[in-house]
Amino acid sequence: PPVCGEETSAIMYSILNEPPPPIGGIPRELEGLIFRALSKRKEERFNSVDVMLDKLERLVF
């Protein structure tokens, strides 16, 4: 699992405050896209799912 912890509060803290762990086994560009979508800061995330889908399609096709 991407976030582990013995207590719910520790898991919630990790989700809200720590960057996600590296994914590995996928292209760096795809990992970057995923991390951008998961960004804690709203201004760093995609403006819309359409923008994200466009970027994803460019990576895959």
PDB file of N, CA and C in Angstrom:
ATOM      1  N   PRO A   1       0.828  -1.201   0.000  1.00  0.00           N
ATOM      2  CA  PRO A   1       0.000   0.000   0.000  1.00  0.00           C
ATOM      3  C   PRO A   1       0.868   1.259   0.000  1.00  0.00           C
ATOM      4  N   PRO A   2       0.413   2.310  -0.644  1.00  0.00           N
ATOM      5  CA  PRO A   2       1.215   3.529  -0.722  1.00  0.00           C
ATOM      6  C   PRO A   2       1.412   4.234   0.611  1.00  0.00           C
ATOM      7  N   VAL A   3       0.478   4.074   1.542  1.00  0.00           N
ATOM      8  CA  VAL A   3       0.593   4.712   2.855  1.00  0.00           C
ATOM      9  C   VAL A   3       0.313   3.656   3.916  1.00  0.00           C
ATOM     10  N   CYS A   4       1.244   3.526   4.852  1.00  0.00           N
ATOM     11  CA  CYS A   4       1.087   2.539   5.917  1.00  0.00           C
ATOM     12  C   CYS A   4       1.186   3.227   7.268  1.00  0.00           C
ATOM     13  N   GLY A   5       0.599   2.614   8.247  1.00  0.00           N
ATOM     14  CA  GLY A   5       0.681   3.122   9.606  1.00  0.00           C
ATOM     15  C   GLY A   5      -0.141   2.253  10.525  1.00  0.00           C
ATOM     16  N   GLU A   6       0.214   2.286  11.787  1.00  0.00           N
ATOM     17  CA  GLU A   6      -0.505   1.462  12.756  1.00  0.00           C
ATOM     18  C   GLU A   6      -1.811   2.105  13.187  1.00  0.00           C
ATOM     19  N   GLU A   7      -1.866   3.410  13.146  1.00  0.00           N
ATOM     20  CA  GLU A   7      -3.070   4.102  13.595  1.00  0.00           C
ATOM     21  C   GLU A   7      -3.621   4.975  12.472  1.00  0.00           C
ATOM     22  N   THR A   8      -4.913   5.141  12.483  1.00  0.00           N
ATOM     23  CA  THR A   8      -5.581   5.945  11.462  1.00  0.00           C
ATOM     24  C   THR A   8      -5.030   7.359  11.428  1.00  0.00           C
ATOM     25  N   SER A   9      -4.749   7.928  12.572  1.00  0.00           N
ATOM     26  CA  SER A   9      -4.242   9.306  12.609  1.00  0.00           C
ATOM     27  C   SER A   9      -2.881   9.415  11.921  1.00  0.00           C
ATOM     28  N   ALA A  10      -2.036   8.405  12.062  1.00  0.00           N
ATOM     29  CA  ALA A  10      -0.728   8.417  11.406  1.00  0.00           C
ATOM     30  C   ALA A  10      -0.882   8.305   9.893  1.00  0.00           C
ATOM     31  N   ILE A  11      -1.812   7.486   9.456  1.00  0.00           N
ATOM     32  CA  ILE A  11      -2.070   7.338   8.025  1.00  0.00           C
ATOM     33  C   ILE A  11      -2.603   8.641   7.451  1.00  0.00           C
ATOM     34  N   MET A  12      -3.558   9.245   8.134  1.00  0.00           N
ATOM     35  CA  MET A  12      -4.125  10.512   7.668  1.00  0.00           C
ATOM     36  C   MET A  12      -3.059  11.604   7.611  1.00  0.00           C
ATOM     37  N   TYR A  13      -2.188  11.656   8.605  1.00  0.00           N
ATOM     38  CA  TYR A  13      -1.115  12.644   8.605  1.00  0.00           C
ATOM     39  C   TYR A  13      -0.234  12.454   7.367  1.00  0.00           C
ATOM     40  N   SER A  14       0.125  11.200   7.085  1.00  0.00           N
ATOM     41  CA  SER A  14       0.969  10.918   5.927  1.00  0.00           C
ATOM     42  C   SER A  14       0.302  11.348   4.629  1.00  0.00           C
ATOM     43  N   ILE A  15      -0.970  11.028   4.486  1.00  0.00           N
ATOM     44  CA  ILE A  15      -1.696  11.388   3.270  1.00  0.00           C
ATOM     45  C   ILE A  15      -1.722  12.897   3.081  1.00  0.00           C
ATOM     46  N   LEU A  16      -1.941  13.632   4.153  1.00  0.00           N
ATOM     47  CA  LEU A  16      -2.094  15.081   4.061  1.00  0.00           C
ATOM     48  C   LEU A  16      -0.782  15.849   4.000  1.00  0.00           C
ATOM     49  N   ASN A  17       0.307  15.275   4.526  1.00  0.00           N
ATOM     50  CA  ASN A  17       1.525  16.063   4.688  1.00  0.00           C
ATOM     51  C   ASN A  17       2.775  15.530   4.006  1.00  0.00           C
ATOM     52  N   GLU A  18       2.797  14.286   3.614  1.00  0.00           N
ATOM     53  CA  GLU A  18       4.013  13.714   3.043  1.00  0.00           C
ATOM     54  C   GLU A  18       3.818  13.412   1.563  1.00  0.00           C
ATOM     55  N   PRO A  19       4.888  13.545   0.789  1.00  0.00           N
ATOM     56  CA  PRO A  19       4.762  13.203  -0.635  1.00  0.00           C
ATOM     57  C   PRO A  19       4.557  11.696  -0.792  1.00  0.00           C
ATOM     58  N   PRO A  20       3.897  11.291  -1.866  1.00  0.00           N
ATOM     59  CA  PRO A  20       3.718   9.856  -2.075  1.00  0.00           C
ATOM     60  C   PRO A  20       5.064   9.193  -2.361  1.00  0.00           C
ATOM     61  N   PRO A  21       5.189   7.927  -2.027  1.00  0.00           N
ATOM     62  CA  PRO A  21       6.449   7.225  -2.296  1.00  0.00           C
ATOM     63  C   PRO A  21       6.629   7.003  -3.796  1.00  0.00           C
ATOM     64  N   PRO A  22       7.879   6.827  -4.234  1.00  0.00           N
ATOM     65  CA  PRO A  22       8.114   6.544  -5.656  1.00  0.00           C
ATOM     66  C   PRO A  22       7.336   5.300  -6.089  1.00  0.00           C
ATOM     67  N   ILE A  23       6.895   5.300  -7.336  1.00  0.00           N
ATOM     68  CA  ILE A  23       6.109   4.180  -7.834  1.00  0.00           C
ATOM     69  C   ILE A  23       7.020   3.081  -8.367  1.00  0.00           C
ATOM     70  N   GLY A  24       7.940   3.429  -9.231  1.00  0.00           N
ATOM     71  CA  GLY A  24       8.858   2.449  -9.792  1.00  0.00           C
ATOM     72  C   GLY A  24       8.179   1.532 -10.803  1.00  0.00           C
ATOM     73  N   GLY A  25       8.953   1.076 -11.761  1.00  0.00           N
ATOM     74  CA  GLY A  25       8.442   0.154 -12.755  1.00  0.00           C
ATOM     75  C   GLY A  25       7.596   0.793 -13.842  1.00  0.00           C
ATOM     76  N   ILE A  26       7.514   2.124 -13.835  1.00  0.00           N
ATOM     77  CA  ILE A  26       6.771   2.841 -14.877  1.00  0.00           C
ATOM     78  C   ILE A  26       7.660   3.971 -15.390  1.00  0.00           C
ATOM     79  N   PRO A  27       7.394   4.472 -16.589  1.00  0.00           N
ATOM     80  CA  PRO A  27       8.204   5.582 -17.112  1.00  0.00           C
ATOM     81  C   PRO A  27       8.144   6.808 -16.194  1.00  0.00           C
ATOM     82  N   ARG A  28       9.263   7.531 -16.143  1.00  0.00           N
ATOM     83  CA  ARG A  28       9.347   8.726 -15.287  1.00  0.00           C
ATOM     84  C   ARG A  28       8.273   9.748 -15.626  1.00  0.00           C
ATOM     85  N   GLU A  29       7.977   9.879 -16.914  1.00  0.00           N
ATOM     86  CA  GLU A  29       6.974  10.856 -17.342  1.00  0.00           C
ATOM     87  C   GLU A  29       5.601  10.514 -16.773  1.00  0.00           C
ATOM     88  N   LEU A  30       5.272   9.224 -16.759  1.00  0.00           N
ATOM     89  CA  LEU A  30       3.986   8.796 -16.210  1.00  0.00           C
ATOM     90  C   LEU A  30       3.959   8.995 -14.701  1.00  0.00           C
ATOM     91  N   GLU A  31       5.059   8.684 -14.046  1.00  0.00           N
ATOM     92  CA  GLU A  31       5.139   8.906 -12.604  1.00  0.00           C
ATOM     93  C   GLU A  31       4.974  10.393 -12.285  1.00  0.00           C
ATOM     94  N   GLY A  32       5.597  11.253 -13.079  1.00  0.00           N
ATOM     95  CA  GLY A  32       5.454  12.695 -12.884  1.00  0.00           C
ATOM     96  C   GLY A  32       4.016  13.159 -13.040  1.00  0.00           C
ATOM     97  N   LEU A  33       3.324  12.601 -14.034  1.00  0.00           N
ATOM     98  CA  LEU A  33       1.922  12.948 -14.250  1.00  0.00           C
ATOM     99  C   LEU A  33       1.086  12.535 -13.041  1.00  0.00           C
ATOM    100  N   ILE A  34       1.319  11.343 -12.541  1.00  0.00           N
ATOM    101  CA  ILE A  34       0.574  10.850 -11.375  1.00  0.00           C
ATOM    102  C   ILE A  34       0.855  11.719 -10.160  1.00  0.00           C
ATOM    103  N   PHE A  35       2.124  12.032  -9.927  1.00  0.00           N
ATOM    104  CA  PHE A  35       2.461  12.861  -8.766  1.00  0.00           C
ATOM    105  C   PHE A  35       1.874  14.266  -8.890  1.00  0.00           C
ATOM    106  N   ARG A  36       1.828  14.780 -10.111  1.00  0.00           N
ATOM    107  CA  ARG A  36       1.197  16.098 -10.305  1.00  0.00           C
ATOM    108  C   ARG A  36      -0.286  16.030  -9.942  1.00  0.00           C
ATOM    109  N   ALA A  37      -0.952  14.965 -10.342  1.00  0.00           N
ATOM    110  CA  ALA A  37      -2.370  14.800 -10.018  1.00  0.00           C
ATOM    111  C   ALA A  37      -2.592  14.639  -8.516  1.00  0.00           C
ATOM    112  N   LEU A  38      -1.606  14.085  -7.814  1.00  0.00           N
ATOM    113  CA  LEU A  38      -1.721  13.849  -6.371  1.00  0.00           C
ATOM    114  C   LEU A  38      -1.157  14.987  -5.522  1.00  0.00           C
ATOM    115  N   SER A  39      -0.708  16.053  -6.155  1.00  0.00           N
ATOM    116  CA  SER A  39      -0.064  17.140  -5.426  1.00  0.00           C
ATOM    117  C   SER A  39      -0.923  17.664  -4.275  1.00  0.00           C
ATOM    118  N   LYS A  40      -0.269  17.970  -3.180  1.00  0.00           N
ATOM    119  CA  LYS A  40      -0.958  18.544  -2.015  1.00  0.00           C
ATOM    120  C   LYS A  40      -1.412  19.977  -2.304  1.00  0.00           C
ATOM    121  N   ARG A  41      -0.685  20.648  -3.198  1.00  0.00           N
ATOM    122  CA  ARG A  41      -0.973  22.046  -3.521  1.00  0.00           C
ATOM    123  C   ARG A  41      -1.879  22.123  -4.749  1.00  0.00           C
ATOM    124  N   LYS A  42      -3.017  22.731  -4.583  1.00  0.00           N
ATOM    125  CA  LYS A  42      -4.009  22.829  -5.660  1.00  0.00           C
ATOM    126  C   LYS A  42      -3.424  23.441  -6.928  1.00  0.00           C
ATOM    127  N   GLU A  43      -2.607  24.472  -6.771  1.00  0.00           N
ATOM    128  CA  GLU A  43      -2.061  25.159  -7.942  1.00  0.00           C
ATOM    129  C   GLU A  43      -1.077  24.297  -8.735  1.00  0.00           C
ATOM    130  N   GLU A  44      -0.594  23.211  -8.161  1.00  0.00           N
ATOM    131  CA  GLU A  44       0.316  22.310  -8.869  1.00  0.00           C
ATOM    132  C   GLU A  44      -0.425  21.194  -9.607  1.00  0.00           C
ATOM    133  N   ARG A  45      -1.683  20.962  -9.251  1.00  0.00           N
ATOM    134  CA  ARG A  45      -2.467  19.905  -9.899  1.00  0.00           C
ATOM    135  C   ARG A  45      -2.994  20.387 -11.248  1.00  0.00           C
ATOM    136  N   PHE A  46      -3.497  19.459 -12.038  1.00  0.00           N
ATOM    137  CA  PHE A  46      -4.100  19.800 -13.323  1.00  0.00           C
ATOM    138  C   PHE A  46      -5.349  20.644 -13.092  1.00  0.00           C
ATOM    139  N   ASN A  47      -5.607  21.562 -14.024  1.00  0.00           N
ATOM    140  CA  ASN A  47      -6.787  22.427 -13.913  1.00  0.00           C
ATOM    141  C   ASN A  47      -8.083  21.663 -14.108  1.00  0.00           C
ATOM    142  N   SER A  48      -8.017  20.579 -14.867  1.00  0.00           N
ATOM    143  CA  SER A  48      -9.216  19.781 -15.119  1.00  0.00           C
ATOM    144  C   SER A  48      -8.801  18.367 -15.507  1.00  0.00           C
ATOM    145  N   VAL A  49      -9.749  17.464 -15.449  1.00  0.00           N
ATOM    146  CA  VAL A  49      -9.478  16.092 -15.868  1.00  0.00           C
ATOM    147  C   VAL A  49      -9.198  16.045 -17.367  1.00  0.00           C
ATOM    148  N   ASP A  50      -9.777  16.962 -18.132  1.00  0.00           N
ATOM    149  CA  ASP A  50      -9.519  17.007 -19.571  1.00  0.00           C
ATOM    150  C   ASP A  50      -8.052  17.320 -19.863  1.00  0.00           C
ATOM    151  N   VAL A  51      -7.476  18.238 -19.112  1.00  0.00           N
ATOM    152  CA  VAL A  51      -6.059  18.578 -19.283  1.00  0.00           C
ATOM    153  C   VAL A  51      -5.197  17.375 -18.913  1.00  0.00           C
ATOM    154  N   MET A  52      -5.537  16.713 -17.816  1.00  0.00           N
ATOM    155  CA  MET A  52      -4.780  15.534 -17.395  1.00  0.00           C
ATOM    156  C   MET A  52      -4.889  14.423 -18.438  1.00  0.00           C
ATOM    157  N   LEU A  53      -6.070  14.189 -18.947  1.00  0.00           N
ATOM    158  CA  LEU A  53      -6.282  13.154 -19.954  1.00  0.00           C
ATOM    159  C   LEU A  53      -5.486  13.450 -21.216  1.00  0.00           C
ATOM    160  N   ASP A  54      -5.436  14.713 -21.620  1.00  0.00           N
ATOM    161  CA  ASP A  54      -4.656  15.099 -22.792  1.00  0.00           C
ATOM    162  C   ASP A  54      -3.186  14.759 -22.584  1.00  0.00           C
ATOM    163  N   LYS A  55      -2.654  15.094 -21.420  1.00  0.00           N
ATOM    164  CA  LYS A  55      -1.247  14.789 -21.116  1.00  0.00           C
ATOM    165  C   LYS A  55      -1.022  13.283 -21.090  1.00  0.00           C
ATOM    166  N   LEU A  56      -1.956  12.539 -20.506  1.00  0.00           N
ATOM    167  CA  LEU A  56      -1.839  11.082 -20.426  1.00  0.00           C
ATOM    168  C   LEU A  56      -1.867  10.464 -21.823  1.00  0.00           C
ATOM    169  N   GLU A  57      -2.764  10.925 -22.663  1.00  0.00           N
ATOM    170  CA  GLU A  57      -2.839  10.401 -24.029  1.00  0.00           C
ATOM    171  C   GLU A  57      -1.558  10.669 -24.798  1.00  0.00           C
ATOM    172  N   ARG A  58      -0.933  11.797 -24.570  1.00  0.00           N
ATOM    173  CA  ARG A  58       0.331  12.114 -25.248  1.00  0.00           C
ATOM    174  C   ARG A  58       1.447  11.173 -24.794  1.00  0.00           C
ATOM    175  N   LEU A  59       1.391  10.731 -23.541  1.00  0.00           N
ATOM    176  CA  LEU A  59       2.396   9.797 -23.038  1.00  0.00           C
ATOM    177  C   LEU A  59       2.192   8.393 -23.585  1.00  0.00           C
ATOM    178  N   VAL A  60       0.945   7.993 -23.684  1.00  0.00           N
ATOM    179  CA  VAL A  60       0.631   6.617 -24.058  1.00  0.00           C
ATOM    180  C   VAL A  60       0.669   6.407 -25.566  1.00  0.00           C
ATOM    181  N   PHE A  61       0.209   7.406 -26.316  1.00  0.00           N
ATOM    182  CA  PHE A  61       0.112   7.211 -27.767  1.00  0.00           C
ATOM    183  C   PHE A  61       1.170   7.965 -28.456  1.00  0.00           C
TER     184      PHE A  61
END
